[in-house]
Amino acid sequence: AVFGRCWLCGRWGQMEEHHIFGGTANRRKSERYGLTVLLCGESCHRNGPRAAHRCKETALALHQYGQRKYMEEQDATVEDFRREFGRNYL
């Protein structure tokens, strides 16, 4: 656990690191490109109604955020992102 601010609810405290893009290969790419966010462990990461691992809307918001961050930081196009991560979320 890390101390910081939750990406989803904004609360400060002990957080868990969440890889924006899942699956073995994309999890590694998330690490390589810094596409991780801090989330409150119980409520925002795993088990709450808006938790990243339970709520499709939260997962989509994270994927869109991650794609925009990747494209901005890597000076990449939508097609570049799709080649790297296999899908377009925008």
C-alpha atoms as a PDB file:
ATOM      1  CA  ALA A   1       0.000   0.000   0.000  1.00  0.00           C
ATOM      2  CA  VAL A   2       1.050   3.561  -0.722  1.00  0.00           C
ATOM      3  CA  PHE A   3       0.009   6.873   0.800  1.00  0.00           C
ATOM      4  CA  GLY A   4      -1.713   9.213  -1.646  1.00  0.00           C
ATOM      5  CA  ARG A   5      -4.987  10.476  -3.132  1.00  0.00           C
ATOM      6  CA  CYS A   6      -7.595   8.151  -4.627  1.00  0.00           C
ATOM      7  CA  TRP A   7      -8.104   8.723  -8.361  1.00  0.00           C
ATOM      8  CA  LEU A   8     -11.810   7.919  -8.042  1.00  0.00           C
ATOM      9  CA  CYS A   9     -13.063   9.546  -4.819  1.00  0.00           C
ATOM     10  CA  GLY A  10     -10.224  11.954  -4.014  1.00  0.00           C
ATOM     11  CA  ARG A  11      -9.723  10.731  -0.452  1.00  0.00           C
ATOM     12  CA  TRP A  12      -6.210  10.836   1.059  1.00  0.00           C
ATOM     13  CA  GLY A  13      -4.753   7.832   2.853  1.00  0.00           C
ATOM     14  CA  GLN A  14      -3.442   4.327   2.299  1.00  0.00           C
ATOM     15  CA  MET A  15      -4.009   3.442  -1.353  1.00  0.00           C
ATOM     16  CA  GLU A  16      -3.453   0.518  -3.677  1.00  0.00           C
ATOM     17  CA  GLU A  17      -1.915   0.800  -7.131  1.00  0.00           C
ATOM     18  CA  HIS A  18      -4.303  -0.167  -9.950  1.00  0.00           C
ATOM     19  CA  HIS A  19      -3.053  -1.062 -13.432  1.00  0.00           C
ATOM     20  CA  ILE A  20      -5.387   0.665 -15.866  1.00  0.00           C
ATOM     21  CA  PHE A  21      -5.069  -2.032 -18.522  1.00  0.00           C
ATOM     22  CA  GLY A  22      -5.408  -5.639 -17.378  1.00  0.00           C
ATOM     23  CA  GLY A  23      -4.283  -8.985 -18.638  1.00  0.00           C
ATOM     24  CA  THR A  24      -0.703 -10.157 -18.404  1.00  0.00           C
ATOM     25  CA  ALA A  25       0.721  -8.283 -21.416  1.00  0.00           C
ATOM     26  CA  ASN A  26      -1.258  -5.066 -20.926  1.00  0.00           C
ATOM     27  CA  ARG A  27      -0.531  -5.033 -17.193  1.00  0.00           C
ATOM     28  CA  ARG A  28       3.199  -4.984 -18.032  1.00  0.00           C
ATOM     29  CA  LYS A  29       2.576  -2.210 -20.576  1.00  0.00           C
ATOM     30  CA  SER A  30       0.618  -0.262 -17.948  1.00  0.00           C
ATOM     31  CA  GLU A  31       3.706  -0.389 -15.732  1.00  0.00           C
ATOM     32  CA  ARG A  32       6.097   0.466 -18.568  1.00  0.00           C
ATOM     33  CA  TYR A  33       4.112   3.563 -19.570  1.00  0.00           C
ATOM     34  CA  GLY A  34       3.121   4.675 -16.065  1.00  0.00           C
ATOM     35  CA  LEU A  35      -0.552   3.877 -16.648  1.00  0.00           C
ATOM     36  CA  THR A  36      -1.445   3.157 -13.051  1.00  0.00           C
ATOM     37  CA  VAL A  37      -3.587   5.055 -10.561  1.00  0.00           C
ATOM     38  CA  LEU A  38      -4.003   4.988  -6.805  1.00  0.00           C
ATOM     39  CA  LEU A  39      -7.334   3.760  -5.456  1.00  0.00           C
ATOM     40  CA  CYS A  40      -8.811   3.192  -1.987  1.00  0.00           C
ATOM     41  CA  GLY A  41      -8.370  -0.556  -1.546  1.00  0.00           C
ATOM     42  CA  GLU A  42     -11.731  -1.738  -0.318  1.00  0.00           C
ATOM     43  CA  SER A  43     -14.228   0.777  -1.695  1.00  0.00           C
ATOM     44  CA  CYS A  44     -12.752   2.146  -4.931  1.00  0.00           C
ATOM     45  CA  HIS A  45     -10.451  -0.674  -6.044  1.00  0.00           C
ATOM     46  CA  ARG A  46     -12.232  -3.937  -5.238  1.00  0.00           C
ATOM     47  CA  ASN A  47     -15.655  -4.028  -3.634  1.00  0.00           C
ATOM     48  CA  GLY A  48     -17.560  -0.735  -3.633  1.00  0.00           C
ATOM     49  CA  PRO A  49     -20.413  -0.027  -6.059  1.00  0.00           C
ATOM     50  CA  ARG A  50     -18.103   2.150  -8.212  1.00  0.00           C
ATOM     51  CA  ALA A  51     -14.970  -0.006  -7.695  1.00  0.00           C
ATOM     52  CA  ALA A  52     -12.634  -0.353 -10.660  1.00  0.00           C
ATOM     53  CA  HIS A  53     -12.957  -4.146 -10.663  1.00  0.00           C
ATOM     54  CA  ARG A  54     -16.776  -4.146 -10.388  1.00  0.00           C
ATOM     55  CA  CYS A  55     -18.179  -1.129 -12.233  1.00  0.00           C
ATOM     56  CA  LYS A  56     -18.135  -0.948 -16.046  1.00  0.00           C
ATOM     57  CA  GLU A  57     -18.480   2.860 -16.018  1.00  0.00           C
ATOM     58  CA  THR A  58     -15.438   3.242 -13.738  1.00  0.00           C
ATOM     59  CA  ALA A  59     -13.425   0.798 -15.841  1.00  0.00           C
ATOM     60  CA  LEU A  60     -14.311   2.726 -19.016  1.00  0.00           C
ATOM     61  CA  ALA A  61     -13.405   6.062 -17.401  1.00  0.00           C
ATOM     62  CA  LEU A  62     -10.026   4.599 -16.373  1.00  0.00           C
ATOM     63  CA  HIS A  63      -9.416   3.159 -19.841  1.00  0.00           C
ATOM     64  CA  GLN A  64     -10.240   6.501 -21.476  1.00  0.00           C
ATOM     65  CA  TYR A  65      -8.004   8.350 -19.011  1.00  0.00           C
ATOM     66  CA  GLY A  66      -5.196   5.844 -19.637  1.00  0.00           C
ATOM     67  CA  GLN A  67      -5.531   6.081 -23.415  1.00  0.00           C
ATOM     68  CA  ARG A  68      -5.452   9.885 -23.372  1.00  0.00           C
ATOM     69  CA  LYS A  69      -2.439   9.870 -21.024  1.00  0.00           C
ATOM     70  CA  TYR A  70      -0.613   7.367 -23.242  1.00  0.00           C
ATOM     71  CA  MET A  71      -1.377   9.313 -26.418  1.00  0.00           C
ATOM     72  CA  GLU A  72      -0.279  12.612 -24.879  1.00  0.00           C
ATOM     73  CA  GLU A  73       2.904  11.333 -23.246  1.00  0.00           C
ATOM     74  CA  GLN A  74       3.953   9.097 -26.164  1.00  0.00           C
ATOM     75  CA  ASP A  75       2.871  11.586 -28.843  1.00  0.00           C
ATOM     76  CA  ALA A  76       0.740   8.752 -30.221  1.00  0.00           C
ATOM     77  CA  THR A  77      -2.359   8.534 -32.387  1.00  0.00           C
ATOM     78  CA  VAL A  78      -5.486   6.470 -31.719  1.00  0.00           C
ATOM     79  CA  GLU A  79      -4.103   3.924 -34.185  1.00  0.00           C
ATOM     80  CA  ASP A  80      -0.762   3.810 -32.322  1.00  0.00           C
ATOM     81  CA  PHE A  81      -2.652   3.129 -29.098  1.00  0.00           C
ATOM     82  CA  ARG A  82      -4.773   0.445 -30.745  1.00  0.00           C
ATOM     83  CA  ARG A  83      -1.633  -1.277 -32.061  1.00  0.00           C
ATOM     84  CA  GLU A  84      -0.078  -1.260 -28.573  1.00  0.00           C
ATOM     85  CA  PHE A  85      -3.135  -2.154 -26.468  1.00  0.00           C
ATOM     86  CA  GLY A  86      -5.428  -3.847 -29.019  1.00  0.00           C
ATOM     87  CA  ARG A  87      -8.408  -1.542 -28.631  1.00  0.00           C
ATOM     88  CA  ASN A  88      -9.644   2.065 -28.770  1.00  0.00           C
ATOM     89  CA  TYR A  89     -11.560   3.334 -25.730  1.00  0.00           C
ATOM     90  CA  LEU A  90     -12.303   6.854 -26.960  1.00  0.00           C
END
